[in-house]
Amino acid sequence: MPPADQGGVPALPPNAQPLSPPFDGALKKQIEQAKQDLAQRLGIDVSTIEVVQVAAVTWPDGALGCPRPGMVYIQVLIDGLFVQLRVGDQLYNYHGDGQNPLFLCDAQFGPQVRIPLPPRTAP
């Protein structure tokens, strides 16, 4: 089993296909968004964040490799991305489906996925 990230889930799925720079525009944008997110969370300059690895993955279900206790996920294979960032000696794993922004898979930062709620209707 791959090493665990901070949330206790496997860091990189066994089916990961490493990607090397130069990255296409869409992938580069996703990586930059992940770096900006991490910089904001940690209150640091984005230039201090190193990209350790980027991989195309097939996640086993809708949890995208980052299941939360008590949640139920769609059981379908989902092609996506894995990006690992480093600040100092700490690693941060970002997961995604390739369509939506990557999200930090780490229990210490709270909810992993922002799902928009449907608009409320008046009774």
N, C-alpha and C. Protein backbone atom coordinates (compact mmCIF):
# COMPACT_ATOMS: atom_id res chain seq x y z
N MET A 1 0.85 -1.18 0.00
CA MET A 1 0.00 0.00 0.00
C MET A 1 0.89 1.24 0.00
N PRO A 2 0.52 2.27 -0.77
CA PRO A 2 1.32 3.49 -0.81
C PRO A 2 1.35 4.17 0.55
N PRO A 3 2.34 5.05 0.76
CA PRO A 3 2.41 5.76 2.04
C PRO A 3 1.18 6.63 2.23
N ALA A 4 0.81 6.83 3.49
CA ALA A 4 -0.38 7.64 3.79
C ALA A 4 -0.02 9.11 3.82
N ASP A 5 -1.00 9.95 3.46
CA ASP A 5 -0.81 11.39 3.59
C ASP A 5 -1.26 11.80 4.98
N GLN A 6 -1.40 13.11 5.22
CA GLN A 6 -1.72 13.60 6.56
C GLN A 6 -3.08 13.12 7.04
N GLY A 7 -4.01 12.82 6.15
CA GLY A 7 -5.33 12.41 6.54
C GLY A 7 -5.44 10.92 6.79
N GLY A 8 -4.35 10.17 6.59
CA GLY A 8 -4.37 8.74 6.85
C GLY A 8 -4.85 7.92 5.67
N VAL A 9 -5.04 8.52 4.50
CA VAL A 9 -5.45 7.78 3.32
C VAL A 9 -4.24 7.60 2.42
N PRO A 10 -4.26 6.58 1.54
CA PRO A 10 -3.10 6.38 0.67
C PRO A 10 -2.79 7.65 -0.11
N ALA A 11 -1.50 7.98 -0.21
CA ALA A 11 -1.08 9.20 -0.87
C ALA A 11 -1.25 9.11 -2.39
N LEU A 12 -0.88 8.03 -3.00
CA LEU A 12 -0.92 7.90 -4.45
C LEU A 12 -1.46 6.53 -4.83
N PRO A 13 -2.52 6.47 -5.62
CA PRO A 13 -3.08 5.18 -6.00
C PRO A 13 -2.09 4.37 -6.83
N PRO A 14 -2.18 3.05 -6.76
CA PRO A 14 -1.23 2.21 -7.49
C PRO A 14 -1.34 2.37 -9.01
N ASN A 15 -2.46 2.87 -9.51
CA ASN A 15 -2.63 3.01 -10.96
C ASN A 15 -2.16 4.37 -11.49
N ALA A 16 -1.50 5.15 -10.67
CA ALA A 16 -1.07 6.50 -11.05
C ALA A 16 -0.06 6.46 -12.19
N GLN A 17 -0.23 7.38 -13.13
CA GLN A 17 0.69 7.54 -14.25
C GLN A 17 1.37 8.90 -14.09
N PRO A 18 2.64 8.92 -13.66
CA PRO A 18 3.32 10.20 -13.45
C PRO A 18 3.32 11.06 -14.71
N LEU A 19 3.13 12.36 -14.52
CA LEU A 19 3.16 13.33 -15.61
C LEU A 19 4.37 14.23 -15.38
N SER A 20 5.03 14.61 -16.46
CA SER A 20 6.22 15.45 -16.36
C SER A 20 6.00 16.77 -17.09
N PRO A 21 6.66 17.83 -16.59
CA PRO A 21 6.57 19.12 -17.29
C PRO A 21 7.22 18.99 -18.67
N PRO A 22 6.87 19.84 -19.59
CA PRO A 22 5.94 20.95 -19.44
C PRO A 22 4.50 20.47 -19.45
N PHE A 23 3.67 21.05 -18.58
CA PHE A 23 2.27 20.68 -18.49
C PHE A 23 1.45 21.55 -19.44
N ASP A 24 0.33 21.00 -19.93
CA ASP A 24 -0.53 21.80 -20.80
C ASP A 24 -1.19 22.91 -19.97
N GLY A 25 -1.82 23.85 -20.66
CA GLY A 25 -2.38 25.03 -20.00
C GLY A 25 -3.39 24.70 -18.91
N ALA A 26 -4.30 23.74 -19.17
CA ALA A 26 -5.33 23.39 -18.19
C ALA A 26 -4.71 22.77 -16.94
N LEU A 27 -3.75 21.87 -17.13
CA LEU A 27 -3.11 21.23 -15.98
C LEU A 27 -2.27 22.25 -15.22
N LYS A 28 -1.56 23.10 -15.93
CA LYS A 28 -0.76 24.13 -15.28
C LYS A 28 -1.66 25.03 -14.43
N LYS A 29 -2.84 25.37 -14.94
CA LYS A 29 -3.79 26.22 -14.20
C LYS A 29 -4.24 25.51 -12.92
N GLN A 30 -4.55 24.21 -13.02
CA GLN A 30 -4.98 23.47 -11.83
C GLN A 30 -3.87 23.42 -10.77
N ILE A 31 -2.64 23.21 -11.21
CA ILE A 31 -1.51 23.17 -10.27
C ILE A 31 -1.34 24.53 -9.60
N GLU A 32 -1.43 25.59 -10.38
CA GLU A 32 -1.29 26.94 -9.82
C GLU A 32 -2.41 27.25 -8.82
N GLN A 33 -3.64 26.81 -9.13
CA GLN A 33 -4.75 27.01 -8.19
C GLN A 33 -4.51 26.27 -6.89
N ALA A 34 -3.97 25.05 -6.98
CA ALA A 34 -3.66 24.28 -5.77
C ALA A 34 -2.58 24.99 -4.95
N LYS A 35 -1.56 25.50 -5.62
CA LYS A 35 -0.50 26.23 -4.92
C LYS A 35 -1.05 27.49 -4.25
N GLN A 36 -1.91 28.21 -4.95
CA GLN A 36 -2.52 29.41 -4.36
C GLN A 36 -3.37 29.05 -3.13
N ASP A 37 -4.13 27.95 -3.25
CA ASP A 37 -4.96 27.50 -2.13
C ASP A 37 -4.09 27.18 -0.91
N LEU A 38 -3.01 26.43 -1.15
CA LEU A 38 -2.14 26.05 -0.04
C LEU A 38 -1.46 27.27 0.57
N ALA A 39 -1.00 28.19 -0.28
CA ALA A 39 -0.36 29.41 0.23
C ALA A 39 -1.32 30.19 1.12
N GLN A 40 -2.58 30.28 0.70
CA GLN A 40 -3.58 31.01 1.49
C GLN A 40 -3.84 30.29 2.81
N ARG A 41 -3.98 28.97 2.77
CA ARG A 41 -4.24 28.20 3.99
C ARG A 41 -3.12 28.36 5.01
N LEU A 42 -1.88 28.35 4.51
CA LEU A 42 -0.72 28.39 5.40
C LEU A 42 -0.23 29.81 5.68
N GLY A 43 -0.75 30.79 4.94
CA GLY A 43 -0.32 32.16 5.12
C GLY A 43 1.13 32.37 4.68
N ILE A 44 1.50 31.75 3.56
CA ILE A 44 2.88 31.85 3.06
C ILE A 44 2.86 32.36 1.63
N ASP A 45 4.05 32.69 1.12
CA ASP A 45 4.18 33.11 -0.26
C ASP A 45 4.17 31.87 -1.16
N VAL A 46 3.45 31.96 -2.26
CA VAL A 46 3.30 30.82 -3.18
C VAL A 46 4.65 30.36 -3.73
N SER A 47 5.63 31.25 -3.77
CA SER A 47 6.95 30.88 -4.31
C SER A 47 7.69 29.89 -3.42
N THR A 48 7.25 29.70 -2.18
CA THR A 48 7.90 28.76 -1.27
C THR A 48 7.36 27.34 -1.42
N ILE A 49 6.38 27.16 -2.33
CA ILE A 49 5.74 25.86 -2.52
C ILE A 49 6.37 25.14 -3.71
N GLU A 50 6.79 23.91 -3.48
CA GLU A 50 7.42 23.09 -4.51
C GLU A 50 6.44 22.01 -4.99
N VAL A 51 6.38 21.80 -6.30
CA VAL A 51 5.59 20.70 -6.86
C VAL A 51 6.47 19.46 -6.81
N VAL A 52 6.03 18.44 -6.06
CA VAL A 52 6.81 17.22 -5.89
C VAL A 52 6.47 16.21 -6.99
N GLN A 53 5.17 15.98 -7.19
CA GLN A 53 4.76 15.05 -8.23
C GLN A 53 3.37 15.38 -8.73
N VAL A 54 3.14 15.03 -9.99
CA VAL A 54 1.85 15.21 -10.64
C VAL A 54 1.57 13.90 -11.35
N ALA A 55 0.34 13.39 -11.20
CA ALA A 55 0.00 12.12 -11.83
C ALA A 55 -1.45 12.10 -12.29
N ALA A 56 -1.66 11.41 -13.41
CA ALA A 56 -3.02 11.08 -13.84
C ALA A 56 -3.40 9.81 -13.10
N VAL A 57 -4.59 9.77 -12.55
CA VAL A 57 -5.03 8.60 -11.77
C VAL A 57 -6.45 8.23 -12.15
N THR A 58 -6.82 7.01 -11.82
CA THR A 58 -8.21 6.59 -11.90
C THR A 58 -8.63 6.30 -10.48
N TRP A 59 -9.45 7.19 -9.93
CA TRP A 59 -9.93 7.02 -8.55
C TRP A 59 -10.97 5.90 -8.54
N PRO A 60 -11.02 5.09 -7.47
CA PRO A 60 -11.94 3.95 -7.42
C PRO A 60 -13.40 4.31 -7.19
N ASP A 61 -13.65 5.56 -6.75
CA ASP A 61 -15.04 5.95 -6.48
C ASP A 61 -15.12 7.48 -6.37
N GLY A 62 -16.31 7.97 -6.04
CA GLY A 62 -16.54 9.40 -5.96
C GLY A 62 -15.82 10.11 -4.84
N ALA A 63 -15.17 9.39 -3.95
CA ALA A 63 -14.39 10.02 -2.88
C ALA A 63 -13.09 10.60 -3.43
N LEU A 64 -12.74 10.25 -4.64
CA LEU A 64 -11.51 10.73 -5.29
C LEU A 64 -10.28 10.49 -4.43
N GLY A 65 -10.25 9.32 -3.78
CA GLY A 65 -9.09 8.96 -2.98
C GLY A 65 -9.02 9.64 -1.63
N CYS A 66 -10.08 10.34 -1.25
CA CYS A 66 -10.07 11.09 0.01
C CYS A 66 -11.41 10.93 0.72
N PRO A 67 -11.73 9.71 1.13
CA PRO A 67 -13.03 9.48 1.77
C PRO A 67 -13.13 10.15 3.13
N ARG A 68 -14.32 10.62 3.43
CA ARG A 68 -14.59 11.21 4.75
C ARG A 68 -15.47 10.24 5.52
N PRO A 69 -15.22 10.07 6.82
CA PRO A 69 -16.02 9.16 7.63
C PRO A 69 -17.50 9.52 7.55
N GLY A 70 -18.33 8.49 7.44
CA GLY A 70 -19.78 8.68 7.44
C GLY A 70 -20.37 9.06 6.09
N MET A 71 -19.52 9.26 5.08
CA MET A 71 -20.02 9.65 3.76
C MET A 71 -20.15 8.42 2.87
N VAL A 72 -21.09 8.48 1.94
CA VAL A 72 -21.28 7.43 0.95
C VAL A 72 -20.95 8.03 -0.40
N TYR A 73 -20.23 7.29 -1.23
CA TYR A 73 -19.78 7.81 -2.51
C TYR A 73 -20.24 6.93 -3.66
N ILE A 74 -20.44 7.55 -4.81
CA ILE A 74 -20.79 6.81 -6.01
C ILE A 74 -19.68 5.81 -6.32
N GLN A 75 -20.06 4.59 -6.67
CA GLN A 75 -19.08 3.55 -6.92
C GLN A 75 -18.85 3.42 -8.43
N VAL A 76 -18.03 4.32 -8.93
CA VAL A 76 -17.69 4.33 -10.35
C VAL A 76 -16.25 4.83 -10.48
N LEU A 77 -15.53 4.29 -11.45
CA LEU A 77 -14.16 4.75 -11.67
C LEU A 77 -14.18 6.17 -12.23
N ILE A 78 -13.31 7.01 -11.69
CA ILE A 78 -13.27 8.42 -12.11
C ILE A 78 -11.83 8.78 -12.47
N ASP A 79 -11.62 9.19 -13.71
CA ASP A 79 -10.30 9.65 -14.13
C ASP A 79 -10.05 11.01 -13.51
N GLY A 80 -8.86 11.20 -12.97
CA GLY A 80 -8.56 12.46 -12.31
C GLY A 80 -7.09 12.74 -12.19
N LEU A 81 -6.77 13.57 -11.21
CA LEU A 81 -5.41 14.05 -11.00
C LEU A 81 -5.00 13.93 -9.54
N PHE A 82 -3.70 13.80 -9.35
CA PHE A 82 -3.08 13.83 -8.04
C PHE A 82 -1.90 14.78 -8.15
N VAL A 83 -1.82 15.75 -7.25
CA VAL A 83 -0.70 16.69 -7.22
C VAL A 83 -0.19 16.74 -5.79
N GLN A 84 1.10 16.51 -5.64
CA GLN A 84 1.71 16.58 -4.30
C GLN A 84 2.61 17.81 -4.25
N LEU A 85 2.37 18.63 -3.22
CA LEU A 85 3.13 19.85 -3.01
C LEU A 85 3.94 19.72 -1.72
N ARG A 86 5.04 20.49 -1.64
CA ARG A 86 5.88 20.46 -0.44
C ARG A 86 6.17 21.88 0.01
N VAL A 87 6.08 22.07 1.33
CA VAL A 87 6.53 23.30 1.98
C VAL A 87 7.46 22.84 3.09
N GLY A 88 8.73 23.16 2.98
CA GLY A 88 9.70 22.66 3.96
C GLY A 88 9.76 21.15 3.88
N ASP A 89 9.51 20.49 5.01
CA ASP A 89 9.52 19.03 5.01
C ASP A 89 8.11 18.44 5.09
N GLN A 90 7.10 19.26 4.88
CA GLN A 90 5.70 18.82 4.95
C GLN A 90 5.13 18.64 3.54
N LEU A 91 4.46 17.51 3.31
CA LEU A 91 3.83 17.22 2.02
C LEU A 91 2.33 17.47 2.11
N TYR A 92 1.76 17.95 1.00
CA TYR A 92 0.33 18.23 0.91
C TYR A 92 -0.19 17.61 -0.38
N ASN A 93 -1.22 16.77 -0.26
CA ASN A 93 -1.76 16.06 -1.40
C ASN A 93 -3.07 16.67 -1.87
N TYR A 94 -3.10 17.03 -3.14
CA TYR A 94 -4.30 17.57 -3.77
C TYR A 94 -4.85 16.54 -4.74
N HIS A 95 -6.16 16.34 -4.66
CA HIS A 95 -6.85 15.35 -5.49
C HIS A 95 -7.88 16.06 -6.34
N GLY A 96 -8.26 15.44 -7.44
CA GLY A 96 -9.30 16.03 -8.27
C GLY A 96 -9.79 15.09 -9.34
N ASP A 97 -10.87 15.53 -10.00
CA ASP A 97 -11.47 14.73 -11.07
C ASP A 97 -11.06 15.23 -12.45
N GLY A 98 -10.18 16.21 -12.51
CA GLY A 98 -9.74 16.74 -13.79
C GLY A 98 -10.65 17.80 -14.37
N GLN A 99 -11.83 17.96 -13.81
CA GLN A 99 -12.79 18.96 -14.29
C GLN A 99 -12.93 20.13 -13.33
N ASN A 100 -12.98 19.81 -12.06
CA ASN A 100 -13.15 20.81 -11.00
C ASN A 100 -11.80 21.12 -10.37
N PRO A 101 -11.69 22.24 -9.64
CA PRO A 101 -10.42 22.54 -8.98
C PRO A 101 -9.99 21.41 -8.05
N LEU A 102 -8.68 21.21 -7.96
CA LEU A 102 -8.13 20.23 -7.04
C LEU A 102 -8.47 20.64 -5.61
N PHE A 103 -8.57 19.66 -4.71
CA PHE A 103 -8.84 19.96 -3.30
C PHE A 103 -7.80 19.29 -2.43
N LEU A 104 -7.53 19.90 -1.30
CA LEU A 104 -6.55 19.37 -0.36
C LEU A 104 -7.15 18.19 0.37
N CYS A 105 -6.48 17.06 0.31
CA CYS A 105 -6.92 15.85 1.00
C CYS A 105 -6.14 15.77 2.31
N ASP A 106 -6.66 16.43 3.34
CA ASP A 106 -5.96 16.50 4.61
C ASP A 106 -6.96 16.82 5.71
N ALA A 107 -7.11 15.94 6.67
CA ALA A 107 -8.10 16.10 7.72
C ALA A 107 -7.91 17.37 8.55
N GLN A 108 -6.68 17.85 8.70
CA GLN A 108 -6.45 19.01 9.57
C GLN A 108 -7.05 20.29 9.02
N PHE A 109 -7.38 20.32 7.73
CA PHE A 109 -7.92 21.54 7.13
C PHE A 109 -9.43 21.51 6.98
N GLY A 110 -10.10 20.55 7.57
CA GLY A 110 -11.56 20.53 7.55
C GLY A 110 -12.13 19.91 6.29
N PRO A 111 -13.35 20.32 5.92
CA PRO A 111 -14.03 19.70 4.77
C PRO A 111 -13.18 19.75 3.52
N GLN A 112 -13.16 18.63 2.79
CA GLN A 112 -12.32 18.51 1.62
C GLN A 112 -12.98 19.02 0.34
N VAL A 113 -14.25 18.78 0.18
CA VAL A 113 -14.90 19.09 -1.08
C VAL A 113 -16.03 20.09 -0.83
N ARG A 114 -16.05 21.12 -1.64
CA ARG A 114 -17.13 22.10 -1.55
C ARG A 114 -18.19 21.73 -2.56
N ILE A 115 -19.35 21.29 -2.09
CA ILE A 115 -20.45 20.91 -2.97
C ILE A 115 -21.52 21.98 -2.86
N PRO A 116 -21.85 22.65 -3.98
CA PRO A 116 -22.88 23.68 -3.89
C PRO A 116 -24.23 23.06 -3.53
N LEU A 117 -24.94 23.72 -2.64
CA LEU A 117 -26.26 23.26 -2.24
C LEU A 117 -27.30 23.83 -3.20
N PRO A 118 -28.40 23.09 -3.44
CA PRO A 118 -29.43 23.64 -4.31
C PRO A 118 -30.08 24.83 -3.64
N PRO A 119 -30.63 25.77 -4.43
CA PRO A 119 -31.27 26.93 -3.83
C PRO A 119 -32.45 26.52 -2.97
N ARG A 120 -32.65 27.26 -1.90
CA ARG A 120 -33.79 26.99 -1.01
C ARG A 120 -35.05 27.49 -1.66
N THR A 121 -36.10 26.73 -1.47
CA THR A 121 -37.40 27.14 -1.99
C THR A 121 -38.29 27.51 -0.83
N ALA A 122 -39.14 28.48 -1.04
CA ALA A 122 -40.06 28.91 0.02
C ALA A 122 -41.10 27.84 0.25
N PRO A 123 -41.50 27.62 1.52
CA PRO A 123 -42.52 26.58 1.81
C PRO A 123 -43.89 26.97 1.32
